[in-house]
Amino acid sequence: MNFNDTFEKALAAARDLQQSVGDALSKAGDQLHPLLQDSVKQAQELQATLAKHASESGAIAQQQAQEAMSHLNEFIKTGSEAAKQTVEQARESAAKMAEQSRKVVESATAAMKPPGQGS
């Protein structure tokens, strides 16, 4: 897989993650938990993609990828906790996850830029 393919895959995954959290926020209680669990799974997959990219990139891209992975870690932690909460608590956690997913998209975009394109 070349750099552009990896870049597109990571950005698509980050956007899908953001969309799934948005969907979770709009669902009824019984539908909320499965969507949050799916979002956590997507975050874990994106985390693996970014880790691979970081290991193959220069220092600046590695730092940006680490920042994105930090946001993903917080997202996964919040999502895992939300799966065990009441519906109202899970909605509050999903709102936090939405903010983390926004940060993930921003960080992943910065991390996946080809060398020499800056932030």
N, C-alpha and C. Protein backbone atom coordinates (compact mmCIF):
# COMPACT_ATOMS: atom_id res chain seq x y z
N MET A 1 0.86 -1.16 0.00
CA MET A 1 0.00 0.00 0.00
C MET A 1 0.91 1.24 0.00
N ASN A 2 0.69 2.16 -0.95
CA ASN A 2 1.52 3.35 -1.01
C ASN A 2 1.03 4.42 -0.04
N PHE A 3 1.79 5.52 0.05
CA PHE A 3 1.47 6.57 1.03
C PHE A 3 0.07 7.12 0.82
N ASN A 4 -0.31 7.40 -0.43
CA ASN A 4 -1.64 7.97 -0.69
C ASN A 4 -2.75 7.03 -0.28
N ASP A 5 -2.57 5.74 -0.52
CA ASP A 5 -3.58 4.77 -0.09
C ASP A 5 -3.71 4.74 1.42
N THR A 6 -2.57 4.75 2.10
CA THR A 6 -2.59 4.76 3.56
C THR A 6 -3.24 6.02 4.08
N PHE A 7 -2.90 7.15 3.47
CA PHE A 7 -3.47 8.45 3.84
C PHE A 7 -4.98 8.43 3.69
N GLU A 8 -5.47 7.99 2.56
CA GLU A 8 -6.91 7.95 2.31
C GLU A 8 -7.61 6.99 3.25
N LYS A 9 -6.99 5.85 3.51
CA LYS A 9 -7.59 4.87 4.43
C LYS A 9 -7.71 5.44 5.84
N ALA A 10 -6.66 6.09 6.32
CA ALA A 10 -6.68 6.65 7.67
C ALA A 10 -7.70 7.77 7.79
N LEU A 11 -7.75 8.65 6.80
CA LEU A 11 -8.71 9.74 6.86
C LEU A 11 -10.14 9.23 6.76
N ALA A 12 -10.36 8.24 5.92
CA ALA A 12 -11.71 7.66 5.81
C ALA A 12 -12.11 7.02 7.14
N ALA A 13 -11.17 6.33 7.77
CA ALA A 13 -11.45 5.70 9.05
C ALA A 13 -11.76 6.75 10.12
N ALA A 14 -11.01 7.84 10.13
CA ALA A 14 -11.26 8.90 11.10
C ALA A 14 -12.62 9.54 10.87
N ARG A 15 -12.97 9.76 9.62
CA ARG A 15 -14.29 10.34 9.32
C ARG A 15 -15.42 9.37 9.67
N ASP A 16 -15.21 8.08 9.40
CA ASP A 16 -16.22 7.07 9.77
C ASP A 16 -16.41 7.04 11.29
N LEU A 17 -15.30 7.16 11.99
CA LEU A 17 -15.36 7.19 13.45
C LEU A 17 -16.19 8.38 13.92
N GLN A 18 -15.94 9.52 13.34
CA GLN A 18 -16.69 10.72 13.71
C GLN A 18 -18.17 10.54 13.39
N GLN A 19 -18.49 9.96 12.25
CA GLN A 19 -19.88 9.74 11.85
C GLN A 19 -20.56 8.75 12.78
N SER A 20 -19.87 7.69 13.18
CA SER A 20 -20.51 6.68 14.03
C SER A 20 -20.84 7.26 15.41
N VAL A 21 -20.01 8.16 15.91
CA VAL A 21 -20.33 8.79 17.19
C VAL A 21 -21.53 9.72 17.02
N GLY A 22 -21.57 10.45 15.91
CA GLY A 22 -22.73 11.29 15.64
C GLY A 22 -24.00 10.47 15.56
N ASP A 23 -23.91 9.32 14.91
CA ASP A 23 -25.07 8.43 14.84
C ASP A 23 -25.49 7.94 16.22
N ALA A 24 -24.50 7.61 17.04
CA ALA A 24 -24.80 7.11 18.39
C ALA A 24 -25.53 8.17 19.20
N LEU A 25 -25.13 9.41 19.05
CA LEU A 25 -25.77 10.49 19.80
C LEU A 25 -27.23 10.67 19.44
N SER A 26 -27.60 10.28 18.23
CA SER A 26 -28.98 10.49 17.79
C SER A 26 -29.88 9.27 18.00
N LYS A 27 -29.34 8.19 18.50
CA LYS A 27 -30.12 6.95 18.64
C LYS A 27 -30.78 6.82 20.01
N ALA A 28 -31.78 5.99 20.05
CA ALA A 28 -32.47 5.68 21.30
C ALA A 28 -31.57 4.82 22.18
N GLY A 29 -31.93 4.73 23.44
CA GLY A 29 -31.11 4.05 24.43
C GLY A 29 -30.65 2.66 24.06
N ASP A 30 -31.54 1.81 23.60
CA ASP A 30 -31.16 0.43 23.31
C ASP A 30 -30.25 0.32 22.10
N GLN A 31 -30.21 1.34 21.27
CA GLN A 31 -29.35 1.34 20.09
C GLN A 31 -28.01 2.01 20.36
N LEU A 32 -27.91 2.75 21.45
CA LEU A 32 -26.72 3.53 21.74
C LEU A 32 -25.50 2.67 22.03
N HIS A 33 -25.63 1.70 22.92
CA HIS A 33 -24.47 0.91 23.33
C HIS A 33 -23.82 0.15 22.17
N PRO A 34 -24.57 -0.52 21.30
CA PRO A 34 -23.91 -1.21 20.18
C PRO A 34 -23.16 -0.24 19.26
N LEU A 35 -23.69 0.94 19.05
CA LEU A 35 -23.01 1.92 18.21
C LEU A 35 -21.73 2.42 18.87
N LEU A 36 -21.76 2.60 20.17
CA LEU A 36 -20.55 3.01 20.88
C LEU A 36 -19.49 1.91 20.80
N GLN A 37 -19.91 0.67 20.94
CA GLN A 37 -18.96 -0.45 20.84
C GLN A 37 -18.35 -0.51 19.44
N ASP A 38 -19.16 -0.27 18.42
CA ASP A 38 -18.66 -0.25 17.05
C ASP A 38 -17.66 0.90 16.86
N SER A 39 -17.95 2.04 17.46
CA SER A 39 -17.05 3.18 17.36
C SER A 39 -15.70 2.87 18.00
N VAL A 40 -15.71 2.18 19.13
CA VAL A 40 -14.47 1.80 19.79
C VAL A 40 -13.67 0.86 18.89
N LYS A 41 -14.35 -0.07 18.25
CA LYS A 41 -13.66 -1.00 17.34
C LYS A 41 -13.03 -0.23 16.18
N GLN A 42 -13.75 0.72 15.61
CA GLN A 42 -13.20 1.53 14.52
C GLN A 42 -11.99 2.33 15.00
N ALA A 43 -12.06 2.84 16.21
CA ALA A 43 -10.94 3.60 16.77
C ALA A 43 -9.71 2.71 16.92
N GLN A 44 -9.90 1.49 17.34
CA GLN A 44 -8.79 0.57 17.50
C GLN A 44 -8.14 0.25 16.15
N GLU A 45 -8.96 0.12 15.11
CA GLU A 45 -8.43 -0.14 13.77
C GLU A 45 -7.64 1.07 13.27
N LEU A 46 -8.17 2.26 13.48
CA LEU A 46 -7.46 3.48 13.08
C LEU A 46 -6.16 3.61 13.85
N GLN A 47 -6.18 3.25 15.12
CA GLN A 47 -4.99 3.31 15.95
C GLN A 47 -3.89 2.42 15.35
N ALA A 48 -4.25 1.24 14.89
CA ALA A 48 -3.28 0.34 14.28
C ALA A 48 -2.70 0.93 13.00
N THR A 49 -3.56 1.56 12.19
CA THR A 49 -3.10 2.19 10.96
C THR A 49 -2.12 3.33 11.26
N LEU A 50 -2.46 4.15 12.24
CA LEU A 50 -1.58 5.27 12.59
C LEU A 50 -0.26 4.79 13.19
N ALA A 51 -0.32 3.73 13.98
CA ALA A 51 0.91 3.18 14.56
C ALA A 51 1.84 2.69 13.46
N LYS A 52 1.28 2.04 12.46
CA LYS A 52 2.08 1.56 11.33
C LYS A 52 2.67 2.74 10.58
N HIS A 53 1.86 3.76 10.35
CA HIS A 53 2.33 4.95 9.64
C HIS A 53 3.45 5.62 10.44
N ALA A 54 3.28 5.74 11.74
CA ALA A 54 4.28 6.40 12.57
C ALA A 54 5.61 5.68 12.52
N SER A 55 5.57 4.35 12.49
CA SER A 55 6.81 3.58 12.46
C SER A 55 7.54 3.71 11.13
N GLU A 56 6.83 4.13 10.09
CA GLU A 56 7.42 4.26 8.76
C GLU A 56 7.69 5.71 8.37
N SER A 57 7.46 6.66 9.29
CA SER A 57 7.54 8.08 8.96
C SER A 57 8.68 8.77 9.68
N GLY A 58 8.87 10.03 9.30
CA GLY A 58 9.88 10.86 9.95
C GLY A 58 9.42 11.32 11.31
N ALA A 59 10.29 12.05 12.00
CA ALA A 59 10.05 12.46 13.39
C ALA A 59 8.81 13.33 13.54
N ILE A 60 8.58 14.27 12.65
CA ILE A 60 7.42 15.16 12.77
C ILE A 60 6.13 14.37 12.60
N ALA A 61 6.08 13.54 11.58
CA ALA A 61 4.89 12.72 11.35
C ALA A 61 4.67 11.76 12.52
N GLN A 62 5.74 11.24 13.08
CA GLN A 62 5.60 10.35 14.24
C GLN A 62 4.98 11.08 15.41
N GLN A 63 5.43 12.31 15.66
CA GLN A 63 4.89 13.10 16.76
C GLN A 63 3.40 13.38 16.53
N GLN A 64 3.03 13.72 15.31
CA GLN A 64 1.63 14.00 15.00
C GLN A 64 0.79 12.74 15.10
N ALA A 65 1.33 11.62 14.67
CA ALA A 65 0.61 10.36 14.78
C ALA A 65 0.44 9.98 16.25
N GLN A 66 1.45 10.24 17.07
CA GLN A 66 1.34 9.97 18.50
C GLN A 66 0.24 10.82 19.13
N GLU A 67 0.12 12.07 18.70
CA GLU A 67 -0.95 12.93 19.20
C GLU A 67 -2.31 12.37 18.82
N ALA A 68 -2.46 11.94 17.57
CA ALA A 68 -3.72 11.33 17.13
C ALA A 68 -4.02 10.07 17.94
N MET A 69 -2.98 9.27 18.18
CA MET A 69 -3.19 8.04 18.95
C MET A 69 -3.56 8.35 20.41
N SER A 70 -3.05 9.44 20.94
CA SER A 70 -3.43 9.85 22.29
C SER A 70 -4.93 10.17 22.34
N HIS A 71 -5.42 10.88 21.33
CA HIS A 71 -6.86 11.16 21.26
C HIS A 71 -7.65 9.86 21.09
N LEU A 72 -7.11 8.95 20.30
CA LEU A 72 -7.79 7.66 20.13
C LEU A 72 -7.83 6.88 21.44
N ASN A 73 -6.74 6.91 22.19
CA ASN A 73 -6.73 6.21 23.48
C ASN A 73 -7.82 6.76 24.39
N GLU A 74 -7.95 8.07 24.44
CA GLU A 74 -8.99 8.69 25.27
C GLU A 74 -10.37 8.30 24.76
N PHE A 75 -10.53 8.29 23.43
CA PHE A 75 -11.79 7.89 22.81
C PHE A 75 -12.15 6.46 23.20
N ILE A 76 -11.19 5.55 23.08
CA ILE A 76 -11.42 4.14 23.39
C ILE A 76 -11.76 3.96 24.87
N LYS A 77 -11.03 4.65 25.74
CA LYS A 77 -11.29 4.57 27.17
C LYS A 77 -12.70 5.05 27.48
N THR A 78 -13.08 6.20 26.93
CA THR A 78 -14.41 6.75 27.17
C THR A 78 -15.48 5.82 26.61
N GLY A 79 -15.26 5.30 25.41
CA GLY A 79 -16.24 4.40 24.80
C GLY A 79 -16.40 3.10 25.56
N SER A 80 -15.31 2.57 26.07
CA SER A 80 -15.37 1.34 26.85
C SER A 80 -16.16 1.56 28.14
N GLU A 81 -15.93 2.71 28.76
CA GLU A 81 -16.69 3.04 29.98
C GLU A 81 -18.16 3.26 29.66
N ALA A 82 -18.44 3.92 28.53
CA ALA A 82 -19.83 4.22 28.15
C ALA A 82 -20.64 2.95 27.94
N ALA A 83 -20.00 1.90 27.48
CA ALA A 83 -20.71 0.64 27.24
C ALA A 83 -21.25 0.03 28.53
N LYS A 84 -20.72 0.47 29.67
CA LYS A 84 -21.14 -0.07 30.97
C LYS A 84 -22.07 0.89 31.71
N GLN A 85 -22.40 2.01 31.12
CA GLN A 85 -23.16 3.04 31.80
C GLN A 85 -24.65 2.99 31.46
N THR A 86 -25.43 3.75 32.24
CA THR A 86 -26.84 3.92 31.91
C THR A 86 -26.92 4.72 30.62
N VAL A 87 -28.09 4.75 30.03
CA VAL A 87 -28.28 5.45 28.76
C VAL A 87 -27.91 6.93 28.89
N GLU A 88 -28.36 7.58 29.94
CA GLU A 88 -28.07 9.01 30.09
C GLU A 88 -26.57 9.25 30.27
N GLN A 89 -25.92 8.44 31.08
CA GLN A 89 -24.48 8.57 31.25
C GLN A 89 -23.75 8.28 29.94
N ALA A 90 -24.25 7.29 29.20
CA ALA A 90 -23.63 6.93 27.93
C ALA A 90 -23.77 8.07 26.92
N ARG A 91 -24.88 8.78 26.95
CA ARG A 91 -25.05 9.93 26.05
C ARG A 91 -24.02 11.01 26.38
N GLU A 92 -23.77 11.25 27.66
CA GLU A 92 -22.76 12.22 28.06
C GLU A 92 -21.38 11.77 27.58
N SER A 93 -21.10 10.49 27.73
CA SER A 93 -19.82 9.95 27.26
C SER A 93 -19.71 10.05 25.74
N ALA A 94 -20.82 9.79 25.05
CA ALA A 94 -20.80 9.89 23.59
C ALA A 94 -20.51 11.31 23.14
N ALA A 95 -20.99 12.29 23.88
CA ALA A 95 -20.68 13.68 23.54
C ALA A 95 -19.18 13.94 23.69
N LYS A 96 -18.56 13.38 24.74
CA LYS A 96 -17.11 13.50 24.91
C LYS A 96 -16.38 12.79 23.77
N MET A 97 -16.92 11.63 23.37
CA MET A 97 -16.32 10.88 22.27
C MET A 97 -16.40 11.66 20.97
N ALA A 98 -17.48 12.39 20.77
CA ALA A 98 -17.62 13.20 19.56
C ALA A 98 -16.51 14.25 19.50
N GLU A 99 -16.22 14.87 20.63
CA GLU A 99 -15.14 15.87 20.68
C GLU A 99 -13.79 15.20 20.42
N GLN A 100 -13.56 14.02 21.00
CA GLN A 100 -12.31 13.31 20.75
C GLN A 100 -12.20 12.89 19.29
N SER A 101 -13.30 12.49 18.68
CA SER A 101 -13.24 12.07 17.28
C SER A 101 -12.89 13.25 16.38
N ARG A 102 -13.37 14.46 16.74
CA ARG A 102 -13.00 15.66 15.98
C ARG A 102 -11.49 15.88 16.07
N LYS A 103 -10.94 15.72 17.27
CA LYS A 103 -9.51 15.89 17.46
C LYS A 103 -8.72 14.81 16.71
N VAL A 104 -9.27 13.60 16.67
CA VAL A 104 -8.62 12.51 15.94
C VAL A 104 -8.53 12.87 14.46
N VAL A 105 -9.61 13.35 13.88
CA VAL A 105 -9.61 13.71 12.45
C VAL A 105 -8.56 14.78 12.20
N GLU A 106 -8.53 15.81 13.04
CA GLU A 106 -7.55 16.88 12.85
C GLU A 106 -6.12 16.35 12.97
N SER A 107 -5.85 15.56 14.00
CA SER A 107 -4.50 15.04 14.22
C SER A 107 -4.10 14.04 13.15
N ALA A 108 -5.02 13.18 12.76
CA ALA A 108 -4.71 12.19 11.72
C ALA A 108 -4.43 12.89 10.39
N THR A 109 -5.17 13.93 10.10
CA THR A 109 -4.93 14.68 8.86
C THR A 109 -3.52 15.27 8.88
N ALA A 110 -3.13 15.86 10.01
CA ALA A 110 -1.79 16.44 10.12
C ALA A 110 -0.72 15.36 10.03
N ALA A 111 -0.95 14.23 10.67
CA ALA A 111 0.04 13.16 10.70
C ALA A 111 0.22 12.49 9.35
N MET A 112 -0.82 12.46 8.56
CA MET A 112 -0.77 11.71 7.30
C MET A 112 -0.37 12.57 6.10
N LYS A 113 -0.10 13.85 6.31
CA LYS A 113 0.33 14.69 5.19
C LYS A 113 1.69 14.20 4.70
N PRO A 114 1.87 14.19 3.40
CA PRO A 114 3.17 13.78 2.87
C PRO A 114 4.28 14.69 3.37
N PRO A 115 5.48 14.16 3.52
CA PRO A 115 6.61 14.98 3.99
C PRO A 115 6.77 16.23 3.14
N GLY A 116 7.05 17.35 3.82
CA GLY A 116 7.27 18.60 3.10
C GLY A 116 6.04 19.44 2.90
N GLN A 117 4.85 18.94 3.28
CA GLN A 117 3.63 19.72 3.10
C GLN A 117 3.26 20.50 4.34
N GLY A 118 3.96 20.34 5.46
CA GLY A 118 3.70 21.11 6.67
C GLY A 118 2.38 20.78 7.30
N SER A 119 2.00 21.57 8.32
CA SER A 119 0.75 21.32 9.05
C SER A 119 -0.40 22.06 8.48
